[in-house]
PDB file of all heavy atoms in Angstrom:
ATOM      1  N   PRO A   1    -126.265 120.721  18.288  1.00  0.00           N
ATOM      2  CA  PRO A   1    -126.480 120.985  16.867  1.00  0.00           C
ATOM      3  C   PRO A   1    -125.282 120.547  16.030  1.00  0.00           C
ATOM      4  O   PRO A   1    -124.141 120.578  16.479  1.00  0.00           O
ATOM      5  CB  PRO A   1    -126.659 122.499  16.815  1.00  0.00           C
ATOM      6  CG  PRO A   1    -125.874 123.003  17.973  1.00  0.00           C
ATOM      7  CD  PRO A   1    -126.024 121.949  19.039  1.00  0.00           C
ATOM      8  N   VAL A   2    -125.592 120.147  14.795  1.00  0.00           N
ATOM      9  CA  VAL A   2    -124.554 119.803  13.823  1.00  0.00           C
ATOM     10  C   VAL A   2    -124.610 120.855  12.715  1.00  0.00           C
ATOM     11  O   VAL A   2    -125.663 121.046  12.096  1.00  0.00           O
ATOM     12  CB  VAL A   2    -124.794 118.390  13.239  1.00  0.00           C
ATOM     13  CG1 VAL A   2    -123.791 118.088  12.135  1.00  0.00           C
ATOM     14  CG2 VAL A   2    -124.718 117.344  14.342  1.00  0.00           C
ATOM     15  N   LYS A   3    -123.491 121.540  12.497  1.00  0.00           N
ATOM     16  CA  LYS A   3    -123.412 122.543  11.433  1.00  0.00           C
ATOM     17  C   LYS A   3    -123.091 121.835  10.136  1.00  0.00           C
ATOM     18  O   LYS A   3    -122.127 121.083  10.046  1.00  0.00           O
ATOM     19  CB  LYS A   3    -122.329 123.577  11.736  1.00  0.00           C
ATOM     20  CG  LYS A   3    -122.202 124.630  10.664  1.00  0.00           C
ATOM     21  CD  LYS A   3    -121.265 125.797  10.955  1.00  0.00           C
ATOM     22  CE  LYS A   3    -120.093 125.542  11.784  1.00  0.00           C
ATOM     23  NZ  LYS A   3    -119.178 126.695  11.871  1.00  0.00           N
ATOM     24  N   SER A   4    -123.944 122.069   9.114  1.00  0.00           N
ATOM     25  CA  SER A   4    -123.722 121.338   7.871  1.00  0.00           C
ATOM     26  C   SER A   4    -123.598 122.232   6.647  1.00  0.00           C
ATOM     27  O   SER A   4    -123.193 121.758   5.598  1.00  0.00           O
ATOM     28  CB  SER A   4    -124.836 120.311   7.655  1.00  0.00           C
ATOM     29  OG  SER A   4    -126.097 120.921   7.678  1.00  0.00           O
ATOM     30  N   TRP A   5    -123.928 123.505   6.752  1.00  0.00           N
ATOM     31  CA  TRP A   5    -123.783 124.412   5.617  1.00  0.00           C
ATOM     32  C   TRP A   5    -123.395 125.782   6.146  1.00  0.00           C
ATOM     33  O   TRP A   5    -123.907 126.238   7.172  1.00  0.00           O
ATOM     34  CB  TRP A   5    -125.093 124.521   4.842  1.00  0.00           C
ATOM     35  CG  TRP A   5    -125.038 125.532   3.732  1.00  0.00           C
ATOM     36  CD1 TRP A   5    -124.503 125.357   2.483  1.00  0.00           C
ATOM     37  CD2 TRP A   5    -125.507 126.883   3.772  1.00  0.00           C
ATOM     38  NE1 TRP A   5    -124.617 126.520   1.751  1.00  0.00           N
ATOM     39  CE2 TRP A   5    -125.239 127.471   2.522  1.00  0.00           C
ATOM     40  CE3 TRP A   5    -126.124 127.657   4.750  1.00  0.00           C
ATOM     41  CZ2 TRP A   5    -125.567 128.783   2.220  1.00  0.00           C
ATOM     42  CZ3 TRP A   5    -126.454 128.962   4.456  1.00  0.00           C
ATOM     43  CH2 TRP A   5    -126.173 129.516   3.193  1.00  0.00           C
ATOM     44  N   THR A   6    -122.475 126.434   5.448  1.00  0.00           N
ATOM     45  CA  THR A   6    -122.047 127.782   5.804  1.00  0.00           C
ATOM     46  C   THR A   6    -121.795 128.567   4.532  1.00  0.00           C
ATOM     47  O   THR A   6    -121.258 128.025   3.558  1.00  0.00           O
ATOM     48  CB  THR A   6    -120.753 127.748   6.654  1.00  0.00           C
ATOM     49  OG1 THR A   6    -121.014 127.048   7.868  1.00  0.00           O
ATOM     50  CG2 THR A   6    -120.273 129.145   6.983  1.00  0.00           C
ATOM     51  N   THR A   7    -122.173 129.825   4.547  1.00  0.00           N
ATOM     52  CA  THR A   7    -121.818 130.725   3.462  1.00  0.00           C
ATOM     53  C   THR A   7    -120.761 131.703   3.980  1.00  0.00           C
ATOM     54  O   THR A   7    -120.711 131.997   5.172  1.00  0.00           O
ATOM     55  CB  THR A   7    -123.040 131.481   2.900  1.00  0.00           C
ATOM     56  OG1 THR A   7    -122.632 132.242   1.771  1.00  0.00           O
ATOM     57  CG2 THR A   7    -123.674 132.385   3.920  1.00  0.00           C
ATOM     58  N   GLU A   8    -119.947 132.166   3.090  1.00  0.00           N
ATOM     59  CA  GLU A   8    -118.849 133.070   3.460  1.00  0.00           C
ATOM     60  C   GLU A   8    -119.382 134.413   3.961  1.00  0.00           C
ATOM     61  O   GLU A   8    -120.479 134.830   3.591  1.00  0.00           O
ATOM     62  CB  GLU A   8    -117.943 133.292   2.249  1.00  0.00           C
ATOM     63  CG  GLU A   8    -117.217 132.030   1.786  1.00  0.00           C
ATOM     64  CD  GLU A   8    -116.299 131.458   2.848  1.00  0.00           C
ATOM     65  OE1 GLU A   8    -115.582 132.233   3.516  1.00  0.00           O
ATOM     66  OE2 GLU A   8    -116.317 130.227   3.034  1.00  0.00           O
ATOM     67  N   PRO A   9    -118.596 135.118   4.762  1.00  0.00           N
ATOM     68  CA  PRO A   9    -119.006 136.440   5.251  1.00  0.00           C
ATOM     69  C   PRO A   9    -119.373 137.380   4.102  1.00  0.00           C
ATOM     70  O   PRO A   9    -118.729 137.394   3.063  1.00  0.00           O
ATOM     71  CB  PRO A   9    -117.762 136.950   5.978  1.00  0.00           C
ATOM     72  CG  PRO A   9    -117.041 135.706   6.398  1.00  0.00           C
ATOM     73  CD  PRO A   9    -117.296 134.713   5.292  1.00  0.00           C
ATOM     74  N   GLY A  10    -120.444 138.128   4.327  1.00  0.00           N
ATOM     75  CA  GLY A  10    -120.869 139.127   3.360  1.00  0.00           C
ATOM     76  C   GLY A  10    -121.785 138.626   2.261  1.00  0.00           C
ATOM     77  O   GLY A  10    -122.310 139.421   1.491  1.00  0.00           O
ATOM     78  N   ASN A  11    -121.998 137.301   2.146  1.00  0.00           N
ATOM     79  CA  ASN A  11    -122.876 136.769   1.098  1.00  0.00           C
ATOM     80  C   ASN A  11    -124.350 136.908   1.450  1.00  0.00           C
ATOM     81  O   ASN A  11    -125.154 137.282   0.608  1.00  0.00           O
ATOM     82  CB  ASN A  11    -122.558 135.305   0.815  1.00  0.00           C
ATOM     83  CG  ASN A  11    -121.283 135.137   0.022  1.00  0.00           C
ATOM     84  OD1 ASN A  11    -120.833 136.052  -0.651  1.00  0.00           O
ATOM     85  ND2 ASN A  11    -120.699 133.962   0.107  1.00  0.00           N
ATOM     86  N   TRP A  12    -124.714 136.520   2.652  1.00  0.00           N
ATOM     87  CA  TRP A  12    -126.096 136.592   3.120  1.00  0.00           C
ATOM     88  C   TRP A  12    -126.090 137.307   4.463  1.00  0.00           C
ATOM     89  O   TRP A  12    -125.150 137.177   5.243  1.00  0.00           O
ATOM     90  CB  TRP A  12    -126.680 135.203   3.336  1.00  0.00           C
ATOM     91  CG  TRP A  12    -127.152 134.468   2.118  1.00  0.00           C
ATOM     92  CD1 TRP A  12    -126.789 134.668   0.826  1.00  0.00           C
ATOM     93  CD2 TRP A  12    -128.073 133.389   2.108  1.00  0.00           C
ATOM     94  NE1 TRP A  12    -127.428 133.785   0.014  1.00  0.00           N
ATOM     95  CE2 TRP A  12    -128.227 132.979   0.767  1.00  0.00           C
ATOM     96  CE3 TRP A  12    -128.792 132.719   3.088  1.00  0.00           C
ATOM     97  CZ2 TRP A  12    -129.060 131.943   0.389  1.00  0.00           C
ATOM     98  CZ3 TRP A  12    -129.623 131.685   2.718  1.00  0.00           C
ATOM     99  CH2 TRP A  12    -129.768 131.300   1.373  1.00  0.00           C
ATOM    100  N   TRP A  13    -127.176 138.005   4.744  1.00  0.00           N
ATOM    101  CA  TRP A  13    -127.386 138.624   6.051  1.00  0.00           C
ATOM    102  C   TRP A  13    -128.659 138.026   6.625  1.00  0.00           C
ATOM    103  O   TRP A  13    -129.677 137.914   5.939  1.00  0.00           O
ATOM    104  CB  TRP A  13    -127.488 140.146   5.919  1.00  0.00           C
ATOM    105  CG  TRP A  13    -126.218 140.716   5.361  1.00  0.00           C
ATOM    106  CD1 TRP A  13    -125.949 140.995   4.050  1.00  0.00           C
ATOM    107  CD2 TRP A  13    -125.025 140.988   6.083  1.00  0.00           C
ATOM    108  NE1 TRP A  13    -124.655 141.441   3.922  1.00  0.00           N
ATOM    109  CE2 TRP A  13    -124.063 141.462   5.154  1.00  0.00           C
ATOM    110  CE3 TRP A  13    -124.659 140.901   7.429  1.00  0.00           C
ATOM    111  CZ2 TRP A  13    -122.779 141.836   5.525  1.00  0.00           C
ATOM    112  CZ3 TRP A  13    -123.377 141.282   7.795  1.00  0.00           C
ATOM    113  CH2 TRP A  13    -122.464 141.741   6.851  1.00  0.00           C
ATOM    114  N   ILE A  14    -128.611 137.634   7.898  1.00  0.00           N
ATOM    115  CA  ILE A  14    -129.716 136.895   8.525  1.00  0.00           C
ATOM    116  C   ILE A  14    -131.035 137.672   8.488  1.00  0.00           C
ATOM    117  O   ILE A  14    -132.102 137.083   8.354  1.00  0.00           O
ATOM    118  CB  ILE A  14    -129.360 136.460   9.970  1.00  0.00           C
ATOM    119  CG1 ILE A  14    -130.316 135.370  10.472  1.00  0.00           C
ATOM    120  CG2 ILE A  14    -129.292 137.637  10.909  1.00  0.00           C
ATOM    121  CD1 ILE A  14    -130.223 134.056   9.768  1.00  0.00           C
ATOM    122  N   GLU A  15    -130.987 138.990   8.562  1.00  0.00           N
ATOM    123  CA  GLU A  15    -132.232 139.752   8.546  1.00  0.00           C
ATOM    124  C   GLU A  15    -132.927 139.732   7.180  1.00  0.00           C
ATOM    125  O   GLU A  15    -134.090 140.107   7.066  1.00  0.00           O
ATOM    126  CB  GLU A  15    -132.006 141.197   9.012  1.00  0.00           C
ATOM    127  CG  GLU A  15    -131.026 141.984   8.187  1.00  0.00           C
ATOM    128  CD  GLU A  15    -129.576 141.864   8.664  1.00  0.00           C
ATOM    129  OE1 GLU A  15    -129.258 141.012   9.526  1.00  0.00           O
ATOM    130  OE2 GLU A  15    -128.752 142.621   8.140  1.00  0.00           O
ATOM    131  N   ASN A  16    -132.252 139.253   6.141  1.00  0.00           N
ATOM    132  CA  ASN A  16    -132.830 139.199   4.795  1.00  0.00           C
ATOM    133  C   ASN A  16    -133.353 137.822   4.406  1.00  0.00           C
ATOM    134  O   ASN A  16    -133.770 137.637   3.271  1.00  0.00           O
ATOM    135  CB  ASN A  16    -131.790 139.625   3.762  1.00  0.00           C
ATOM    136  CG  ASN A  16    -131.380 141.068   3.909  1.00  0.00           C
ATOM    137  OD1 ASN A  16    -131.945 141.808   4.699  1.00  0.00           O
ATOM    138  ND2 ASN A  16    -130.395 141.478   3.150  1.00  0.00           N
ATOM    139  N   VAL A  17    -133.315 136.862   5.322  1.00  0.00           N
ATOM    140  CA  VAL A  17    -133.729 135.498   4.985  1.00  0.00           C
ATOM    141  C   VAL A  17    -134.891 135.051   5.867  1.00  0.00           C
ATOM    142  O   VAL A  17    -134.974 135.411   7.041  1.00  0.00           O
ATOM    143  CB  VAL A  17    -132.527 134.511   5.095  1.00  0.00           C
ATOM    144  CG1 VAL A  17    -132.027 134.373   6.510  1.00  0.00           C
ATOM    145  CG2 VAL A  17    -132.861 133.151   4.517  1.00  0.00           C
ATOM    146  N   GLN A  18    -135.807 134.308   5.266  1.00  0.00           N
ATOM    147  CA  GLN A  18    -136.913 133.646   5.966  1.00  0.00           C
ATOM    148  C   GLN A  18    -136.825 132.162   5.630  1.00  0.00           C
ATOM    149  O   GLN A  18    -136.516 131.808   4.484  1.00  0.00           O
ATOM    150  CB  GLN A  18    -138.268 134.189   5.497  1.00  0.00           C
ATOM    151  CG  GLN A  18    -138.456 135.665   5.722  1.00  0.00           C
ATOM    152  CD  GLN A  18    -138.546 136.011   7.197  1.00  0.00           C
ATOM    153  OE1 GLN A  18    -139.087 135.267   8.001  1.00  0.00           O
ATOM    154  NE2 GLN A  18    -137.981 137.151   7.554  1.00  0.00           N
ATOM    155  N   ILE A  19    -137.083 131.284   6.614  1.00  0.00           N
ATOM    156  CA  ILE A  19    -137.002 129.849   6.354  1.00  0.00           C
ATOM    157  C   ILE A  19    -138.289 129.145   6.767  1.00  0.00           C
ATOM    158  O   ILE A  19    -139.029 129.619   7.627  1.00  0.00           O
ATOM    159  CB  ILE A  19    -135.778 129.191   7.043  1.00  0.00           C
ATOM    160  CG1 ILE A  19    -135.839 129.316   8.569  1.00  0.00           C
ATOM    161  CG2 ILE A  19    -134.489 129.773   6.495  1.00  0.00           C
ATOM    162  CD1 ILE A  19    -134.742 128.536   9.294  1.00  0.00           C
ATOM    163  N   ALA A  20    -138.536 128.012   6.119  1.00  0.00           N
ATOM    164  CA  ALA A  20    -139.671 127.139   6.420  1.00  0.00           C
ATOM    165  C   ALA A  20    -139.271 125.719   6.043  1.00  0.00           C
ATOM    166  O   ALA A  20    -138.279 125.506   5.341  1.00  0.00           O
ATOM    167  CB  ALA A  20    -140.912 127.569   5.644  1.00  0.00           C
ATOM    168  N   SER A  21    -140.040 124.745   6.501  1.00  0.00           N
ATOM    169  CA  SER A  21    -139.745 123.341   6.205  1.00  0.00           C
ATOM    170  C   SER A  21    -140.919 122.648   5.556  1.00  0.00           C
ATOM    171  O   SER A  21    -142.081 122.994   5.806  1.00  0.00           O
ATOM    172  CB  SER A  21    -139.392 122.579   7.494  1.00  0.00           C
ATOM    173  OG  SER A  21    -138.165 123.005   8.011  1.00  0.00           O
ATOM    174  N   GLY A  22    -140.611 121.655   4.731  1.00  0.00           N
ATOM    175  CA  GLY A  22    -141.611 120.807   4.093  1.00  0.00           C
ATOM    176  C   GLY A  22    -140.893 119.775   3.243  1.00  0.00           C
ATOM    177  O   GLY A  22    -139.717 119.941   2.909  1.00  0.00           O
ATOM    178  N   ASP A  23    -141.571 118.704   2.896  1.00  0.00           N
ATOM    179  CA  ASP A  23    -140.977 117.670   2.040  1.00  0.00           C
ATOM    180  C   ASP A  23    -141.230 118.069   0.593  1.00  0.00           C
ATOM    181  O   ASP A  23    -142.188 117.636  -0.037  1.00  0.00           O
ATOM    182  CB  ASP A  23    -141.578 116.307   2.353  1.00  0.00           C
ATOM    183  CG  ASP A  23    -140.932 115.181   1.563  1.00  0.00           C
ATOM    184  OD1 ASP A  23    -139.976 115.445   0.798  1.00  0.00           O
ATOM    185  OD2 ASP A  23    -141.391 114.035   1.704  1.00  0.00           O
ATOM    186  N   TYR A  24    -140.363 118.897   0.048  1.00  0.00           N
ATOM    187  CA  TYR A  24    -140.581 119.496  -1.268  1.00  0.00           C
ATOM    188  C   TYR A  24    -140.279 118.551  -2.426  1.00  0.00           C
ATOM    189  O   TYR A  24    -140.770 118.771  -3.528  1.00  0.00           O
ATOM    190  CB  TYR A  24    -139.761 120.782  -1.407  1.00  0.00           C
ATOM    191  CG  TYR A  24    -140.034 121.753  -0.282  1.00  0.00           C
ATOM    192  CD1 TYR A  24    -139.010 122.195   0.535  1.00  0.00           C
ATOM    193  CD2 TYR A  24    -141.317 122.213  -0.022  1.00  0.00           C
ATOM    194  CE1 TYR A  24    -139.253 123.081   1.576  1.00  0.00           C
ATOM    195  CE2 TYR A  24    -141.583 123.088   1.015  1.00  0.00           C
ATOM    196  CZ  TYR A  24    -140.537 123.524   1.809  1.00  0.00           C
ATOM    197  OH  TYR A  24    -140.777 124.382   2.844  1.00  0.00           O
ATOM    198  N   ASP A  25    -139.491 117.504  -2.202  1.00  0.00           N
ATOM    199  CA  ASP A  25    -139.178 116.575  -3.282  1.00  0.00           C
ATOM    200  C   ASP A  25    -139.837 115.203  -3.097  1.00  0.00           C
ATOM    201  O   ASP A  25    -139.624 114.311  -3.900  1.00  0.00           O
ATOM    202  CB  ASP A  25    -137.670 116.431  -3.466  1.00  0.00           C
ATOM    203  CG  ASP A  25    -136.953 115.972  -2.207  1.00  0.00           C
ATOM    204  OD1 ASP A  25    -137.617 115.618  -1.202  1.00  0.00           O
ATOM    205  OD2 ASP A  25    -135.702 115.969  -2.221  1.00  0.00           O
ATOM    206  N   GLY A  26    -140.641 115.022  -2.045  1.00  0.00           N
ATOM    207  CA  GLY A  26    -141.409 113.804  -1.845  1.00  0.00           C
ATOM    208  C   GLY A  26    -140.603 112.577  -1.466  1.00  0.00           C
ATOM    209  O   GLY A  26    -141.059 111.452  -1.642  1.00  0.00           O
ATOM    210  N   ASN A  27    -139.412 112.754  -0.888  1.00  0.00           N
ATOM    211  CA  ASN A  27    -138.571 111.608  -0.543  1.00  0.00           C
ATOM    212  C   ASN A  27    -138.747 111.124   0.890  1.00  0.00           C
ATOM    213  O   ASN A  27    -138.032 110.244   1.342  1.00  0.00           O
ATOM    214  CB  ASN A  27    -137.097 111.916  -0.815  1.00  0.00           C
ATOM    215  CG  ASN A  27    -136.512 112.945   0.140  1.00  0.00           C
ATOM    216  OD1 ASN A  27    -137.226 113.539   0.941  1.00  0.00           O
ATOM    217  ND2 ASN A  27    -135.219 113.166   0.032  1.00  0.00           N
ATOM    218  N   GLY A  28    -139.699 111.693   1.633  1.00  0.00           N
ATOM    219  CA  GLY A  28    -139.937 111.258   3.005  1.00  0.00           C
ATOM    220  C   GLY A  28    -139.128 112.009   4.046  1.00  0.00           C
ATOM    221  O   GLY A  28    -139.277 111.739   5.239  1.00  0.00           O
ATOM    222  N   ARG A  29    -138.273 112.931   3.622  1.00  0.00           N
ATOM    223  CA  ARG A  29    -137.506 113.759   4.558  1.00  0.00           C
ATOM    224  C   ARG A  29    -137.833 115.228   4.276  1.00  0.00           C
ATOM    225  O   ARG A  29    -137.901 115.649   3.125  1.00  0.00           O
ATOM    226  CB  ARG A  29    -136.003 113.539   4.398  1.00  0.00           C
ATOM    227  CG  ARG A  29    -135.531 112.168   4.828  1.00  0.00           C
ATOM    228  CD  ARG A  29    -134.018 112.092   4.949  1.00  0.00           C
ATOM    229  NE  ARG A  29    -133.305 112.527   3.762  1.00  0.00           N
ATOM    230  CZ  ARG A  29    -132.912 111.732   2.767  1.00  0.00           C
ATOM    231  NH1 ARG A  29    -133.200 110.445   2.805  1.00  0.00           N
ATOM    232  NH2 ARG A  29    -132.243 112.217   1.747  1.00  0.00           N
ATOM    233  N   SER A  30    -138.015 115.990   5.339  1.00  0.00           N
ATOM    234  CA  SER A  30    -138.283 117.419   5.174  1.00  0.00           C
ATOM    235  C   SER A  30    -137.049 118.134   4.652  1.00  0.00           C
ATOM    236  O   SER A  30    -135.922 117.754   4.951  1.00  0.00           O
ATOM    237  CB  SER A  30    -138.690 118.041   6.515  1.00  0.00           C
ATOM    238  OG  SER A  30    -139.903 117.498   6.963  1.00  0.00           O
ATOM    239  N   ASP A  31    -137.293 119.160   3.869  1.00  0.00           N
ATOM    240  CA  ASP A  31    -136.251 120.047   3.356  1.00  0.00           C
ATOM    241  C   ASP A  31    -136.453 121.409   4.022  1.00  0.00           C
ATOM    242  O   ASP A  31    -137.489 121.665   4.620  1.00  0.00           O
ATOM    243  CB  ASP A  31    -136.388 120.203   1.835  1.00  0.00           C
ATOM    244  CG  ASP A  31    -136.508 118.860   1.129  1.00  0.00           C
ATOM    245  OD1 ASP A  31    -135.579 118.056   1.224  1.00  0.00           O
ATOM    246  OD2 ASP A  31    -137.554 118.617   0.491  1.00  0.00           O
ATOM    247  N   VAL A  32    -135.481 122.280   3.894  1.00  0.00           N
ATOM    248  CA  VAL A  32    -135.608 123.649   4.376  1.00  0.00           C
ATOM    249  C   VAL A  32    -135.638 124.564   3.159  1.00  0.00           C
ATOM    250  O   VAL A  32    -134.781 124.474   2.286  1.00  0.00           O
ATOM    251  CB  VAL A  32    -134.445 124.038   5.314  1.00  0.00           C
ATOM    252  CG1 VAL A  32    -134.474 125.535   5.629  1.00  0.00           C
ATOM    253  CG2 VAL A  32    -134.500 123.231   6.605  1.00  0.00           C
TER     254      VAL A  32
END
């Protein structure tokens, strides 16, 4: 894996986030 984004401690908690993927801007690459 390549780590590309990190938030500082205490900003987000993993149990409070849900993720999904789709090409939301229509550029041919999926976004999260």
